[in-house]
Amino acid sequence: MIIVNLDVMLAKRKMRSKELSELIGITEANLSLLKSNKVKGVRFDTLEKICAILECQPGDILEYRPTQEPPTDEAT
């Protein structure tokens, strides 16, 4: 599962969602969907703009968390 930590970066930069949405050229509604993990993907150019404005790396915004334990190689 991919977790979006955009709220964390916005708080660190003391920036509001409205300001970021205006700077990157997407609606507040779409940014809200991204922040709440309700999107299936994000365009690289949008991610690039977010990183440029927040002065961060994609890994500061996106995090991978396994949804289940990885399979084991048990010999049966």
Protein backbone atom coordinates (compact mmCIF):
# COMPACT_ATOMS: atom_id res chain seq x y z
CA MET A 1 0.00 0.00 0.00
CA ILE A 2 1.23 3.49 -0.84
CA ILE A 3 0.61 6.12 1.83
CA VAL A 4 0.56 9.83 0.94
CA ASN A 5 2.22 11.96 3.63
CA LEU A 6 1.44 15.28 1.98
CA ASP A 7 -0.16 16.67 5.16
CA VAL A 8 3.10 16.11 7.00
CA MET A 9 5.12 18.02 4.42
CA LEU A 10 2.58 20.85 4.30
CA ALA A 11 2.77 21.17 8.08
CA LYS A 12 6.58 21.16 8.02
CA ARG A 13 6.56 23.93 5.42
CA LYS A 14 3.74 25.83 7.16
CA MET A 15 1.73 25.89 3.95
CA ARG A 16 -1.98 25.41 3.41
CA SER A 17 -3.49 23.08 0.86
CA LYS A 18 -5.17 25.99 -0.89
CA GLU A 19 -1.83 27.73 -1.48
CA LEU A 20 -0.20 24.53 -2.77
CA SER A 21 -3.11 23.76 -5.09
CA GLU A 22 -2.88 27.25 -6.60
CA LEU A 23 0.89 26.99 -7.05
CA ILE A 24 0.79 23.58 -8.76
CA GLY A 25 -2.33 24.27 -10.80
CA ILE A 26 -4.77 21.65 -9.55
CA THR A 27 -8.05 22.07 -7.73
CA GLU A 28 -8.26 21.96 -3.95
CA ALA A 29 -10.66 19.03 -4.34
CA ASN A 30 -8.11 17.00 -6.30
CA LEU A 31 -5.36 17.86 -3.84
CA SER A 32 -7.66 16.80 -1.00
CA LEU A 33 -8.26 13.45 -2.69
CA LEU A 34 -4.51 12.98 -3.04
CA LYS A 35 -3.90 13.87 0.61
CA SER A 36 -6.53 11.38 1.78
CA ASN A 37 -5.15 8.46 -0.28
CA LYS A 38 -8.31 8.34 -2.42
CA VAL A 39 -6.55 8.42 -5.78
CA LYS A 40 -5.20 5.51 -7.78
CA GLY A 41 -2.24 7.46 -9.11
CA VAL A 42 -0.51 10.78 -9.44
CA ARG A 43 1.07 12.27 -12.54
CA PHE A 44 4.83 12.64 -12.40
CA ASP A 45 4.60 16.28 -13.47
CA THR A 46 2.23 16.97 -10.55
CA LEU A 47 4.56 15.15 -8.15
CA GLU A 48 7.49 17.11 -9.56
CA LYS A 49 5.69 20.43 -8.96
CA ILE A 50 4.78 19.43 -5.40
CA CYS A 51 8.38 18.46 -4.66
CA ALA A 52 9.74 21.68 -6.17
CA ILE A 53 7.40 23.89 -4.16
CA LEU A 54 7.79 21.96 -0.89
CA GLU A 55 11.53 21.49 -1.49
CA CYS A 56 11.39 17.77 -0.83
CA GLN A 57 11.89 14.40 -2.47
CA PRO A 58 9.09 12.08 -3.68
CA GLY A 59 9.97 9.72 -0.83
CA ASP A 60 9.11 12.47 1.63
CA ILE A 61 5.55 12.43 0.30
CA LEU A 62 5.01 8.81 -0.72
CA GLU A 63 5.60 5.84 1.59
CA TYR A 64 5.28 2.11 0.94
CA ARG A 65 3.72 -0.08 3.63
CA PRO A 66 3.15 -3.77 2.99
CA THR A 67 -0.50 -4.76 3.23
CA GLN A 68 0.28 -8.33 4.23
CA GLU A 69 3.17 -10.48 5.28
CA PRO A 70 5.41 -11.48 2.36
CA PRO A 71 5.17 -15.14 1.38
CA THR A 72 7.72 -17.44 2.96
CA ASP A 73 9.63 -20.18 1.17
CA GLU A 74 8.68 -23.01 3.47
CA ALA A 75 9.51 -26.46 2.17
CA THR A 76 6.56 -28.77 2.68
